[in-house]
Amino acid sequence: MRLSRLELAAVCLTAAVLGLLAGRAALPLTAGTLYRAETAGAAAPAPAAQSFVPDGPVDLNTATLPQLMSLPGVGQVRAQAILDYRAAHGPFSSPEELALVPGVGQGIVDLVAEHITVSPP
């Protein structure tokens, strides 16, 4: 049995598609693909709300680890670095001094500026 050019092209195209599908099936699932597969058609979860200290701005000179962690862009590592800096260098004299803390750059200072204050020492 001999195949026409059109039939041969169809067989080759089918083989290529099946090869691609088989290759895709052999790839490991990543967290993103697993998530998309499990939640297909489901509503996306709402992003976690940023919680700020209810009494107002966070005072860099008196804040605890959880209070510092409530600031945008500040997780446990940065919050601990702020506490360590405060313990080593004394109270902050201005909010801008936060940029001197290792791991806290001007971008973070700009991000938290409206949420922080510094009480007099």
PDB file of N, CA and C in Angstrom:
ATOM      1  N   MET A   1       0.841  -1.171   0.000  1.00  0.00           N
ATOM      2  CA  MET A   1       0.000   0.000   0.000  1.00  0.00           C
ATOM      3  C   MET A   1       0.885   1.233   0.000  1.00  0.00           C
ATOM      4  N   ARG A   2       0.572   2.095  -0.893  1.00  0.00           N
ATOM      5  CA  ARG A   2       1.360   3.307  -1.032  1.00  0.00           C
ATOM      6  C   ARG A   2       0.514   4.509  -0.629  1.00  0.00           C
ATOM      7  N   LEU A   3       1.112   5.465   0.180  1.00  0.00           N
ATOM      8  CA  LEU A   3       0.389   6.654   0.636  1.00  0.00           C
ATOM      9  C   LEU A   3       0.619   7.816  -0.317  1.00  0.00           C
ATOM     10  N   SER A   4      -0.431   8.604  -0.498  1.00  0.00           N
ATOM     11  CA  SER A   4      -0.285   9.810  -1.319  1.00  0.00           C
ATOM     12  C   SER A   4       0.475  10.856  -0.496  1.00  0.00           C
ATOM     13  N   ARG A   5       0.877  11.891  -1.148  1.00  0.00           N
ATOM     14  CA  ARG A   5       1.598  12.962  -0.424  1.00  0.00           C
ATOM     15  C   ARG A   5       0.729  13.572   0.671  1.00  0.00           C
ATOM     16  N   LEU A   6      -0.524  13.769   0.414  1.00  0.00           N
ATOM     17  CA  LEU A   6      -1.445  14.343   1.386  1.00  0.00           C
ATOM     18  C   LEU A   6      -1.598  13.415   2.592  1.00  0.00           C
ATOM     19  N   GLU A   7      -1.740  12.117   2.317  1.00  0.00           N
ATOM     20  CA  GLU A   7      -1.859  11.145   3.410  1.00  0.00           C
ATOM     21  C   GLU A   7      -0.571  11.070   4.227  1.00  0.00           C
ATOM     22  N   LEU A   8       0.559  11.131   3.553  1.00  0.00           N
ATOM     23  CA  LEU A   8       1.854  11.107   4.232  1.00  0.00           C
ATOM     24  C   LEU A   8       2.025  12.342   5.120  1.00  0.00           C
ATOM     25  N   ALA A   9       1.614  13.492   4.604  1.00  0.00           N
ATOM     26  CA  ALA A   9       1.689  14.729   5.388  1.00  0.00           C
ATOM     27  C   ALA A   9       0.789  14.637   6.615  1.00  0.00           C
ATOM     28  N   ALA A  10      -0.401  14.068   6.459  1.00  0.00           N
ATOM     29  CA  ALA A  10      -1.326  13.925   7.587  1.00  0.00           C
ATOM     30  C   ALA A  10      -0.746  12.992   8.649  1.00  0.00           C
ATOM     31  N   VAL A  11      -0.128  11.907   8.225  1.00  0.00           N
ATOM     32  CA  VAL A  11       0.485  10.968   9.171  1.00  0.00           C
ATOM     33  C   VAL A  11       1.635  11.643   9.918  1.00  0.00           C
ATOM     34  N   CYS A  12       2.469  12.382   9.186  1.00  0.00           N
ATOM     35  CA  CYS A  12       3.598  13.077   9.824  1.00  0.00           C
ATOM     36  C   CYS A  12       3.117  14.127  10.810  1.00  0.00           C
ATOM     37  N   LEU A  13       2.099  14.882  10.442  1.00  0.00           N
ATOM     38  CA  LEU A  13       1.551  15.915  11.321  1.00  0.00           C
ATOM     39  C   LEU A  13       0.958  15.272  12.575  1.00  0.00           C
ATOM     40  N   THR A  14       0.233  14.195  12.408  1.00  0.00           N
ATOM     41  CA  THR A  14      -0.345  13.498  13.554  1.00  0.00           C
ATOM     42  C   THR A  14       0.750  12.975  14.481  1.00  0.00           C
ATOM     43  N   ALA A  15       1.800  12.411  13.910  1.00  0.00           N
ATOM     44  CA  ALA A  15       2.906  11.900  14.718  1.00  0.00           C
ATOM     45  C   ALA A  15       3.591  13.030  15.481  1.00  0.00           C
ATOM     46  N   ALA A  16       3.756  14.173  14.833  1.00  0.00           N
ATOM     47  CA  ALA A  16       4.397  15.309  15.498  1.00  0.00           C
ATOM     48  C   ALA A  16       3.549  15.799  16.665  1.00  0.00           C
ATOM     49  N   VAL A  17       2.246  15.919  16.460  1.00  0.00           N
ATOM     50  CA  VAL A  17       1.354  16.379  17.533  1.00  0.00           C
ATOM     51  C   VAL A  17       1.360  15.396  18.688  1.00  0.00           C
ATOM     52  N   LEU A  18       1.277  14.107  18.376  1.00  0.00           N
ATOM     53  CA  LEU A  18       1.311  13.104  19.439  1.00  0.00           C
ATOM     54  C   LEU A  18       2.640  13.119  20.189  1.00  0.00           C
ATOM     55  N   GLY A  19       3.728  13.359  19.462  1.00  0.00           N
ATOM     56  CA  GLY A  19       5.033  13.455  20.109  1.00  0.00           C
ATOM     57  C   GLY A  19       5.111  14.637  21.057  1.00  0.00           C
ATOM     58  N   LEU A  20       4.559  15.767  20.639  1.00  0.00           N
ATOM     59  CA  LEU A  20       4.545  16.943  21.507  1.00  0.00           C
ATOM     60  C   LEU A  20       3.691  16.703  22.742  1.00  0.00           C
ATOM     61  N   LEU A  21       2.526  16.097  22.534  1.00  0.00           N
ATOM     62  CA  LEU A  21       1.657  15.815  23.674  1.00  0.00           C
ATOM     63  C   LEU A  21       2.298  14.830  24.639  1.00  0.00           C
ATOM     64  N   ALA A  22       2.964  13.828  24.115  1.00  0.00           N
ATOM     65  CA  ALA A  22       3.640  12.857  24.973  1.00  0.00           C
ATOM     66  C   ALA A  22       4.776  13.516  25.740  1.00  0.00           C
ATOM     67  N   GLY A  23       5.503  14.411  25.085  1.00  0.00           N
ATOM     68  CA  GLY A  23       6.588  15.127  25.761  1.00  0.00           C
ATOM     69  C   GLY A  23       6.062  16.021  26.861  1.00  0.00           C
ATOM     70  N   ARG A  24       4.934  16.682  26.618  1.00  0.00           N
ATOM     71  CA  ARG A  24       4.331  17.560  27.624  1.00  0.00           C
ATOM     72  C   ARG A  24       3.854  16.750  28.820  1.00  0.00           C
ATOM     73  N   ALA A  25       3.295  15.571  28.549  1.00  0.00           N
ATOM     74  CA  ALA A  25       2.805  14.722  29.638  1.00  0.00           C
ATOM     75  C   ALA A  25       3.951  14.209  30.497  1.00  0.00           C
ATOM     76  N   ALA A  26       5.149  14.105  29.924  1.00  0.00           N
ATOM     77  CA  ALA A  26       6.297  13.583  30.669  1.00  0.00           C
ATOM     78  C   ALA A  26       6.949  14.653  31.533  1.00  0.00           C
ATOM     79  N   LEU A  27       6.623  15.930  31.305  1.00  0.00           N
ATOM     80  CA  LEU A  27       7.230  16.996  32.104  1.00  0.00           C
ATOM     81  C   LEU A  27       6.686  16.956  33.519  1.00  0.00           C
ATOM     82  N   PRO A  28       7.519  17.272  34.505  1.00  0.00           N
ATOM     83  CA  PRO A  28       7.030  17.281  35.881  1.00  0.00           C
ATOM     84  C   PRO A  28       6.075  18.447  36.095  1.00  0.00           C
ATOM     85  N   LEU A  29       5.137  18.243  36.982  1.00  0.00           N
ATOM     86  CA  LEU A  29       4.207  19.317  37.312  1.00  0.00           C
ATOM     87  C   LEU A  29       4.898  20.312  38.227  1.00  0.00           C
ATOM     88  N   THR A  30       4.734  21.564  37.949  1.00  0.00           N
ATOM     89  CA  THR A  30       5.241  22.592  38.851  1.00  0.00           C
ATOM     90  C   THR A  30       4.083  23.061  39.710  1.00  0.00           C
ATOM     91  N   ALA A  31       4.381  23.812  40.726  1.00  0.00           N
ATOM     92  CA  ALA A  31       3.325  24.310  41.602  1.00  0.00           C
ATOM     93  C   ALA A  31       2.313  25.115  40.807  1.00  0.00           C
ATOM     94  N   GLY A  32       2.780  25.901  39.860  1.00  0.00           N
ATOM     95  CA  GLY A  32       1.867  26.719  39.064  1.00  0.00           C
ATOM     96  C   GLY A  32       0.951  25.886  38.198  1.00  0.00           C
ATOM     97  N   THR A  33       1.474  24.845  37.537  1.00  0.00           N
ATOM     98  CA  THR A  33       0.623  24.026  36.686  1.00  0.00           C
ATOM     99  C   THR A  33      -0.315  23.179  37.523  1.00  0.00           C
ATOM    100  N   LEU A  34       0.130  22.721  38.665  1.00  0.00           N
ATOM    101  CA  LEU A  34      -0.731  21.948  39.547  1.00  0.00           C
ATOM    102  C   LEU A  34      -1.864  22.827  40.044  1.00  0.00           C
ATOM    103  N   TYR A  35      -1.552  24.042  40.434  1.00  0.00           N
ATOM    104  CA  TYR A  35      -2.565  24.970  40.915  1.00  0.00           C
ATOM    105  C   TYR A  35      -3.586  25.250  39.827  1.00  0.00           C
ATOM    106  N   ARG A  36      -3.101  25.523  38.606  1.00  0.00           N
ATOM    107  CA  ARG A  36      -4.029  25.813  37.518  1.00  0.00           C
ATOM    108  C   ARG A  36      -4.909  24.609  37.225  1.00  0.00           C
ATOM    109  N   ALA A  37      -4.356  23.416  37.296  1.00  0.00           N
ATOM    110  CA  ALA A  37      -5.137  22.230  36.995  1.00  0.00           C
ATOM    111  C   ALA A  37      -6.207  21.992  38.054  1.00  0.00           C
ATOM    112  N   GLU A  38      -5.879  22.215  39.307  1.00  0.00           N
ATOM    113  CA  GLU A  38      -6.829  21.961  40.382  1.00  0.00           C
ATOM    114  C   GLU A  38      -7.926  23.006  40.453  1.00  0.00           C
ATOM    115  N   THR A  39      -7.625  24.215  40.025  1.00  0.00           N
ATOM    116  CA  THR A  39      -8.585  25.301  40.188  1.00  0.00           C
ATOM    117  C   THR A  39      -9.191  25.751  38.878  1.00  0.00           C
ATOM    118  N   ALA A  40      -9.058  24.950  37.839  1.00  0.00           N
ATOM    119  CA  ALA A  40      -9.629  25.332  36.551  1.00  0.00           C
ATOM    120  C   ALA A  40     -11.116  25.554  36.727  1.00  0.00           C
ATOM    121  N   GLY A  41     -11.572  26.724  36.345  1.00  0.00           N
ATOM    122  CA  GLY A  41     -12.977  27.060  36.458  1.00  0.00           C
ATOM    123  C   GLY A  41     -13.369  27.603  37.824  1.00  0.00           C
ATOM    124  N   ALA A  42     -12.508  27.502  38.792  1.00  0.00           N
ATOM    125  CA  ALA A  42     -12.815  28.018  40.120  1.00  0.00           C
ATOM    126  C   ALA A  42     -12.376  29.468  40.220  1.00  0.00           C
ATOM    127  N   ALA A  43     -13.002  30.195  41.098  1.00  0.00           N
ATOM    128  CA  ALA A  43     -12.627  31.587  41.305  1.00  0.00           C
ATOM    129  C   ALA A  43     -11.267  31.642  41.976  1.00  0.00           C
ATOM    130  N   ALA A  44     -10.458  32.600  41.570  1.00  0.00           N
ATOM    131  CA  ALA A  44      -9.131  32.762  42.164  1.00  0.00           C
ATOM    132  C   ALA A  44      -9.276  33.235  43.604  1.00  0.00           C
ATOM    133  N   PRO A  45      -8.413  32.741  44.497  1.00  0.00           N
ATOM    134  CA  PRO A  45      -8.503  33.181  45.886  1.00  0.00           C
ATOM    135  C   PRO A  45      -8.129  34.653  45.992  1.00  0.00           C
ATOM    136  N   ALA A  46      -8.772  35.324  46.908  1.00  0.00           N
ATOM    137  CA  ALA A  46      -8.491  36.743  47.113  1.00  0.00           C
ATOM    138  C   ALA A  46      -7.122  36.894  47.749  1.00  0.00           C
ATOM    139  N   PRO A  47      -6.339  37.917  47.328  1.00  0.00           N
ATOM    140  CA  PRO A  47      -5.038  38.120  47.954  1.00  0.00           C
ATOM    141  C   PRO A  47      -5.211  38.482  49.423  1.00  0.00           C
ATOM    142  N   ALA A  48      -4.241  38.075  50.205  1.00  0.00           N
ATOM    143  CA  ALA A  48      -4.294  38.369  51.634  1.00  0.00           C
ATOM    144  C   ALA A  48      -4.211  39.872  51.859  1.00  0.00           C
ATOM    145  N   ALA A  49      -5.043  40.366  52.722  1.00  0.00           N
ATOM    146  CA  ALA A  49      -5.046  41.795  53.018  1.00  0.00           C
ATOM    147  C   ALA A  49      -3.859  42.126  53.910  1.00  0.00           C
ATOM    148  N   GLN A  50      -3.246  43.250  53.636  1.00  0.00           N
ATOM    149  CA  GLN A  50      -2.126  43.709  54.451  1.00  0.00           C
ATOM    150  C   GLN A  50      -2.704  44.286  55.729  1.00  0.00           C
ATOM    151  N   SER A  51      -2.302  43.765  56.875  1.00  0.00           N
ATOM    152  CA  SER A  51      -2.833  44.267  58.131  1.00  0.00           C
ATOM    153  C   SER A  51      -1.837  45.228  58.755  1.00  0.00           C
ATOM    154  N   PHE A  52      -2.319  46.373  59.107  1.00  0.00           N
ATOM    155  CA  PHE A  52      -1.492  47.374  59.750  1.00  0.00           C
ATOM    156  C   PHE A  52      -1.929  47.509  61.198  1.00  0.00           C
ATOM    157  N   VAL A  53      -1.055  48.035  62.011  1.00  0.00           N
ATOM    158  CA  VAL A  53      -1.356  48.219  63.423  1.00  0.00           C
ATOM    159  C   VAL A  53      -2.543  49.170  63.526  1.00  0.00           C
ATOM    160  N   PRO A  54      -3.597  48.771  64.209  1.00  0.00           N
ATOM    161  CA  PRO A  54      -4.816  49.569  64.220  1.00  0.00           C
ATOM    162  C   PRO A  54      -4.687  50.933  64.886  1.00  0.00           C
ATOM    163  N   ASP A  55      -3.732  51.115  65.756  1.00  0.00           N
ATOM    164  CA  ASP A  55      -3.612  52.382  66.477  1.00  0.00           C
ATOM    165  C   ASP A  55      -2.887  53.458  65.688  1.00  0.00           C
ATOM    166  N   GLY A  56      -2.539  53.207  64.451  1.00  0.00           N
ATOM    167  CA  GLY A  56      -1.861  54.219  63.651  1.00  0.00           C
ATOM    168  C   GLY A  56      -0.526  53.733  63.146  1.00  0.00           C
ATOM    169  N   PRO A  57       0.355  54.674  62.821  1.00  0.00           N
ATOM    170  CA  PRO A  57       1.651  54.298  62.249  1.00  0.00           C
ATOM    171  C   PRO A  57       2.497  53.469  63.216  1.00  0.00           C
ATOM    172  N   VAL A  58       3.403  52.702  62.657  1.00  0.00           N
ATOM    173  CA  VAL A  58       4.319  51.876  63.446  1.00  0.00           C
ATOM    174  C   VAL A  58       5.499  52.738  63.867  1.00  0.00           C
ATOM    175  N   ASP A  59       5.766  52.778  65.157  1.00  0.00           N
ATOM    176  CA  ASP A  59       6.881  53.558  65.692  1.00  0.00           C
ATOM    177  C   ASP A  59       8.139  52.691  65.643  1.00  0.00           C
ATOM    178  N   LEU A  60       9.114  53.125  64.850  1.00  0.00           N
ATOM    179  CA  LEU A  60      10.344  52.345  64.691  1.00  0.00           C
ATOM    180  C   LEU A  60      11.098  52.157  65.998  1.00  0.00           C
ATOM    181  N   ASN A  61      10.914  53.039  66.952  1.00  0.00           N
ATOM    182  CA  ASN A  61      11.650  52.951  68.217  1.00  0.00           C
ATOM    183  C   ASN A  61      10.986  52.063  69.259  1.00  0.00           C
ATOM    184  N   THR A  62       9.726  51.699  69.062  1.00  0.00           N
ATOM    185  CA  THR A  62       9.037  50.871  70.054  1.00  0.00           C
ATOM    186  C   THR A  62       8.384  49.628  69.451  1.00  0.00           C
ATOM    187  N   ALA A  63       8.409  49.490  68.140  1.00  0.00           N
ATOM    188  CA  ALA A  63       7.690  48.403  67.465  1.00  0.00           C
ATOM    189  C   ALA A  63       8.258  47.036  67.805  1.00  0.00           C
ATOM    190  N   THR A  64       7.364  46.076  67.878  1.00  0.00           N
ATOM    191  CA  THR A  64       7.733  44.679  68.085  1.00  0.00           C
ATOM    192  C   THR A  64       7.915  44.017  66.721  1.00  0.00           C
ATOM    193  N   LEU A  65       8.409  42.793  66.741  1.00  0.00           N
ATOM    194  CA  LEU A  65       8.602  42.048  65.497  1.00  0.00           C
ATOM    195  C   LEU A  65       7.295  41.937  64.701  1.00  0.00           C
ATOM    196  N   PRO A  66       6.175  41.529  65.312  1.00  0.00           N
ATOM    197  CA  PRO A  66       4.931  41.427  64.538  1.00  0.00           C
ATOM    198  C   PRO A  66       4.457  42.778  63.988  1.00  0.00           C
ATOM    199  N   GLN A  67       4.654  43.846  64.744  1.00  0.00           N
ATOM    200  CA  GLN A  67       4.246  45.169  64.254  1.00  0.00           C
ATOM    201  C   GLN A  67       5.075  45.569  63.038  1.00  0.00           C
ATOM    202  N   LEU A  68       6.373  45.320  63.088  1.00  0.00           N
ATOM    203  CA  LEU A  68       7.229  45.639  61.940  1.00  0.00           C
ATOM    204  C   LEU A  68       6.863  44.773  60.739  1.00  0.00           C
ATOM    205  N   MET A  69       6.529  43.523  60.996  1.00  0.00           N
ATOM    206  CA  MET A  69       6.158  42.620  59.902  1.00  0.00           C
ATOM    207  C   MET A  69       4.839  43.013  59.253  1.00  0.00           C
ATOM    208  N   SER A  70       4.034  43.832  59.910  1.00  0.00           N
ATOM    209  CA  SER A  70       2.771  44.271  59.323  1.00  0.00           C
ATOM    210  C   SER A  70       2.983  45.345  58.253  1.00  0.00           C
ATOM    211  N   LEU A  71       4.197  45.882  58.166  1.00  0.00           N
ATOM    212  CA  LEU A  71       4.501  46.902  57.162  1.00  0.00           C
ATOM    213  C   LEU A  71       4.655  46.264  55.781  1.00  0.00           C
ATOM    214  N   PRO A  72       4.232  46.960  54.733  1.00  0.00           N
ATOM    215  CA  PRO A  72       4.391  46.394  53.389  1.00  0.00           C
ATOM    216  C   PRO A  72       5.865  46.217  53.036  1.00  0.00           C
ATOM    217  N   GLY A  73       6.207  45.056  52.504  1.00  0.00           N
ATOM    218  CA  GLY A  73       7.581  44.780  52.092  1.00  0.00           C
ATOM    219  C   GLY A  73       8.498  44.362  53.219  1.00  0.00           C
ATOM    220  N   VAL A  74       7.972  44.242  54.424  1.00  0.00           N
ATOM    221  CA  VAL A  74       8.802  43.867  55.573  1.00  0.00           C
ATOM    222  C   VAL A  74       8.320  42.517  56.090  1.00  0.00           C
ATOM    223  N   GLY A  75       9.168  41.510  55.916  1.00  0.00           N
ATOM    224  CA  GLY A  75       8.888  40.179  56.448  1.00  0.00           C
ATOM    225  C   GLY A  75       9.680  39.971  57.718  1.00  0.00           C
ATOM    226  N   GLN A  76       9.769  38.733  58.121  1.00  0.00           N
ATOM    227  CA  GLN A  76      10.437  38.424  59.388  1.00  0.00           C
ATOM    228  C   GLN A  76      11.921  38.793  59.362  1.00  0.00           C
ATOM    229  N   VAL A  77      12.601  38.546  58.242  1.00  0.00           N
ATOM    230  CA  VAL A  77      14.041  38.820  58.174  1.00  0.00           C
ATOM    231  C   VAL A  77      14.313  40.316  58.273  1.00  0.00           C
ATOM    232  N   ARG A  78      13.583  41.131  57.514  1.00  0.00           N
ATOM    233  CA  ARG A  78      13.796  42.587  57.581  1.00  0.00           C
ATOM    234  C   ARG A  78      13.374  43.145  58.932  1.00  0.00           C
ATOM    235  N   ALA A  79      12.274  42.642  59.457  1.00  0.00           N
ATOM    236  CA  ALA A  79      11.826  43.119  60.769  1.00  0.00           C
ATOM    237  C   ALA A  79      12.885  42.826  61.831  1.00  0.00           C
ATOM    238  N   GLN A  80      13.470  41.640  61.790  1.00  0.00           N
ATOM    239  CA  GLN A  80      14.514  41.295  62.757  1.00  0.00           C
ATOM    240  C   GLN A  80      15.748  42.169  62.547  1.00  0.00           C
ATOM    241  N   ALA A  81      16.067  42.475  61.288  1.00  0.00           N
ATOM    242  CA  ALA A  81      17.212  43.351  61.005  1.00  0.00           C
ATOM    243  C   ALA A  81      16.977  44.743  61.585  1.00  0.00           C
ATOM    244  N   ILE A  82      15.745  45.220  61.529  1.00  0.00           N
ATOM    245  CA  ILE A  82      15.418  46.531  62.108  1.00  0.00           C
ATOM    246  C   ILE A  82      15.599  46.493  63.622  1.00  0.00           C
ATOM    247  N   LEU A  83      15.112  45.423  64.251  1.00  0.00           N
ATOM    248  CA  LEU A  83      15.274  45.290  65.710  1.00  0.00           C
ATOM    249  C   LEU A  83      16.750  45.189  66.094  1.00  0.00           C
ATOM    250  N   ASP A  84      17.519  44.428  65.314  1.00  0.00           N
ATOM    251  CA  ASP A  84      18.953  44.287  65.592  1.00  0.00           C
ATOM    252  C   ASP A  84      19.674  45.630  65.432  1.00  0.00           C
ATOM    253  N   TYR A  85      19.323  46.372  64.399  1.00  0.00           N
ATOM    254  CA  TYR A  85      19.943  47.679  64.169  1.00  0.00           C
ATOM    255  C   TYR A  85      19.616  48.620  65.340  1.00  0.00           C
ATOM    256  N   ARG A  86      18.366  48.601  65.755  1.00  0.00           N
ATOM    257  CA  ARG A  86      17.946  49.459  66.865  1.00  0.00           C
ATOM    258  C   ARG A  86      18.679  49.087  68.147  1.00  0.00           C
ATOM    259  N   ALA A  87      18.875  47.794  68.391  1.00  0.00           N
ATOM    260  CA  ALA A  87      19.592  47.343  69.594  1.00  0.00           C
ATOM    261  C   ALA A  87      21.058  47.754  69.540  1.00  0.00           C
ATOM    262  N   ALA A  88      21.662  47.722  68.353  1.00  0.00           N
ATOM    263  CA  ALA A  88      23.086  48.034  68.217  1.00  0.00           C
ATOM    264  C   ALA A  88      23.366  49.530  68.158  1.00  0.00           C
ATOM    265  N   HIS A  89      22.458  50.305  67.571  1.00  0.00           N
ATOM    266  CA  HIS A  89      22.720  51.728  67.330  1.00  0.00           C
ATOM    267  C   HIS A  89      21.837  52.688  68.126  1.00  0.00           C
ATOM    268  N   GLY A  90      20.928  52.156  68.908  1.00  0.00           N
ATOM    269  CA  GLY A  90      20.036  53.018  69.672  1.00  0.00           C
ATOM    270  C   GLY A  90      18.819  53.402  68.848  1.00  0.00           C
ATOM    271  N   PRO A  91      17.983  54.268  69.408  1.00  0.00           N
ATOM    272  CA  PRO A  91      16.730  54.618  68.736  1.00  0.00           C
ATOM    273  C   PRO A  91      16.964  55.360  67.417  1.00  0.00           C
ATOM    274  N   PHE A  92      15.998  55.223  66.527  1.00  0.00           N
ATOM    275  CA  PHE A  92      16.038  55.930  65.247  1.00  0.00           C
ATOM    276  C   PHE A  92      15.772  57.409  65.493  1.00  0.00           C
ATOM    277  N   SER A  93      16.486  58.265  64.791  1.00  0.00           N
ATOM    278  CA  SER A  93      16.260  59.708  64.936  1.00  0.00           C
ATOM    279  C   SER A  93      15.322  60.245  63.868  1.00  0.00           C
ATOM    280  N   SER A  94      15.138  59.483  62.765  1.00  0.00           N
ATOM    281  CA  SER A  94      14.217  59.895  61.700  1.00  0.00           C
ATOM    282  C   SER A  94      13.795  58.652  60.921  1.00  0.00           C
ATOM    283  N   PRO A  95      12.655  58.721  60.257  1.00  0.00           N
ATOM    284  CA  PRO A  95      12.229  57.574  59.446  1.00  0.00           C
ATOM    285  C   PRO A  95      13.221  57.244  58.328  1.00  0.00           C
ATOM    286  N   GLU A  96      13.910  58.242  57.807  1.00  0.00           N
ATOM    287  CA  GLU A  96      14.872  58.037  56.727  1.00  0.00           C
ATOM    288  C   GLU A  96      16.057  57.183  57.167  1.00  0.00           C
ATOM    289  N   GLU A  97      16.345  57.158  58.469  1.00  0.00           N
ATOM    290  CA  GLU A  97      17.451  56.360  58.997  1.00  0.00           C
ATOM    291  C   GLU A  97      17.212  54.865  58.784  1.00  0.00           C
ATOM    292  N   LEU A  98      15.969  54.488  58.516  1.00  0.00           N
ATOM    293  CA  LEU A  98      15.642  53.095  58.255  1.00  0.00           C
ATOM    294  C   LEU A  98      16.447  52.549  57.070  1.00  0.00           C
ATOM    295  N   ALA A  99      16.821  53.418  56.142  1.00  0.00           N
ATOM    296  CA  ALA A  99      17.599  52.997  54.969  1.00  0.00           C
ATOM    297  C   ALA A  99      18.993  52.508  55.354  1.00  0.00           C
ATOM    298  N   LEU A 100      19.464  52.804  56.554  1.00  0.00           N
ATOM    299  CA  LEU A 100      20.781  52.360  57.009  1.00  0.00           C
ATOM    300  C   LEU A 100      20.773  50.909  57.498  1.00  0.00           C
ATOM    301  N   VAL A 101      19.598  50.354  57.708  1.00  0.00           N
ATOM    302  CA  VAL A 101      19.483  48.976  58.190  1.00  0.00           C
ATOM    303  C   VAL A 101      19.875  48.028  57.058  1.00  0.00           C
ATOM    304  N   PRO A 102      20.796  47.094  57.317  1.00  0.00           N
ATOM    305  CA  PRO A 102      21.165  46.133  56.269  1.00  0.00           C
ATOM    306  C   PRO A 102      19.938  45.372  55.771  1.00  0.00           C
ATOM    307  N   GLY A 103      19.777  45.321  54.455  1.00  0.00           N
ATOM    308  CA  GLY A 103      18.637  44.635  53.854  1.00  0.00           C
ATOM    309  C   GLY A 103      17.432  45.512  53.634  1.00  0.00           C
ATOM    310  N   VAL A 104      17.521  46.761  54.081  1.00  0.00           N
ATOM    311  CA  VAL A 104      16.421  47.708  53.871  1.00  0.00           C
ATOM    312  C   VAL A 104      16.969  48.844  53.024  1.00  0.00           C
ATOM    313  N   GLY A 105      16.478  48.961  51.819  1.00  0.00           N
ATOM    314  CA  GLY A 105      16.944  50.017  50.934  1.00  0.00           C
ATOM    315  C   GLY A 105      15.957  51.158  50.858  1.00  0.00           C
ATOM    316  N   GLN A 106      16.289  52.120  50.030  1.00  0.00           N
ATOM    317  CA  GLN A 106      15.434  53.286  49.875  1.00  0.00           C
ATOM    318  C   GLN A 106      14.058  52.917  49.334  1.00  0.00           C
ATOM    319  N   GLY A 107      13.993  51.867  48.518  1.00  0.00           N
ATOM    320  CA  GLY A 107      12.696  51.424  47.991  1.00  0.00           C
ATOM    321  C   GLY A 107      11.750  50.993  49.093  1.00  0.00           C
ATOM    322  N   ILE A 108      12.257  50.270  50.073  1.00  0.00           N
ATOM    323  CA  ILE A 108      11.426  49.847  51.202  1.00  0.00           C
ATOM    324  C   ILE A 108      11.043  51.057  52.049  1.00  0.00           C
ATOM    325  N   VAL A 109      11.989  51.969  52.254  1.00  0.00           N
ATOM    326  CA  VAL A 109      11.687  53.174  53.026  1.00  0.00           C
ATOM    327  C   VAL A 109      10.555  53.944  52.350  1.00  0.00           C
ATOM    328  N   ASP A 110      10.619  54.083  51.031  1.00  0.00           N
ATOM    329  CA  ASP A 110       9.553  54.781  50.302  1.00  0.00           C
ATOM    330  C   ASP A 110       8.229  54.039  50.429  1.00  0.00           C
ATOM    331  N   LEU A 111       8.276  52.720  50.422  1.00  0.00           N
ATOM    332  CA  LEU A 111       7.076  51.896  50.502  1.00  0.00           C
ATOM    333  C   LEU A 111       6.387  52.019  51.863  1.00  0.00           C
ATOM    334  N   VAL A 112       7.162  52.132  52.934  1.00  0.00           N
ATOM    335  CA  VAL A 112       6.583  52.164  54.284  1.00  0.00           C
ATOM    336  C   VAL A 112       6.467  53.570  54.858  1.00  0.00           C
ATOM    337  N   ALA A 113       6.939  54.566  54.148  1.00  0.00           N
ATOM    338  CA  ALA A 113       7.026  55.928  54.693  1.00  0.00           C
ATOM    339  C   ALA A 113       5.726  56.415  55.324  1.00  0.00           C
ATOM    340  N   GLU A 114       4.609  56.157  54.678  1.00  0.00           N
ATOM    341  CA  GLU A 114       3.339  56.651  55.217  1.00  0.00           C
ATOM    342  C   GLU A 114       2.827  55.816  56.395  1.00  0.00           C
ATOM    343  N   HIS A 115       3.500  54.720  56.691  1.00  0.00           N
ATOM    344  CA  HIS A 115       3.041  53.823  57.751  1.00  0.00           C
ATOM    345  C   HIS A 115       3.957  53.800  58.968  1.00  0.00           C
ATOM    346  N   ILE A 116       5.009  54.613  58.965  1.00  0.00           N
ATOM    347  CA  ILE A 116       5.940  54.600  60.093  1.00  0.00           C
ATOM    348  C   ILE A 116       6.078  55.981  60.696  1.00  0.00           C
ATOM    349  N   THR A 117       6.545  55.964  61.928  1.00  0.00           N
ATOM    350  CA  THR A 117       6.870  57.195  62.647  1.00  0.00           C
ATOM    351  C   THR A 117       8.054  56.893  63.560  1.00  0.00           C
ATOM    352  N   VAL A 118       8.638  57.947  64.096  1.00  0.00           N
ATOM    353  CA  VAL A 118       9.747  57.800  65.032  1.00  0.00           C
ATOM    354  C   VAL A 118       9.455  58.681  66.234  1.00  0.00           C
ATOM    355  N   SER A 119       9.358  58.039  67.404  1.00  0.00           N
ATOM    356  CA  SER A 119       9.126  58.803  68.636  1.00  0.00           C
ATOM    357  C   SER A 119      10.459  59.357  69.119  1.00  0.00           C
ATOM    358  N   PRO A 120      10.416  60.456  69.855  1.00  0.00           N
ATOM    359  CA  PRO A 120      11.675  60.996  70.387  1.00  0.00           C
ATOM    360  C   PRO A 120      12.307  60.001  71.349  1.00  0.00           C
ATOM    361  N   PRO A 121      13.643  59.927  71.333  1.00  0.00           N
ATOM    362  CA  PRO A 121      14.333  58.975  72.232  1.00  0.00           C
ATOM    363  C   PRO A 121      14.138  59.304  73.702  1.00  0.00           C
TER     364      PRO A 121
END
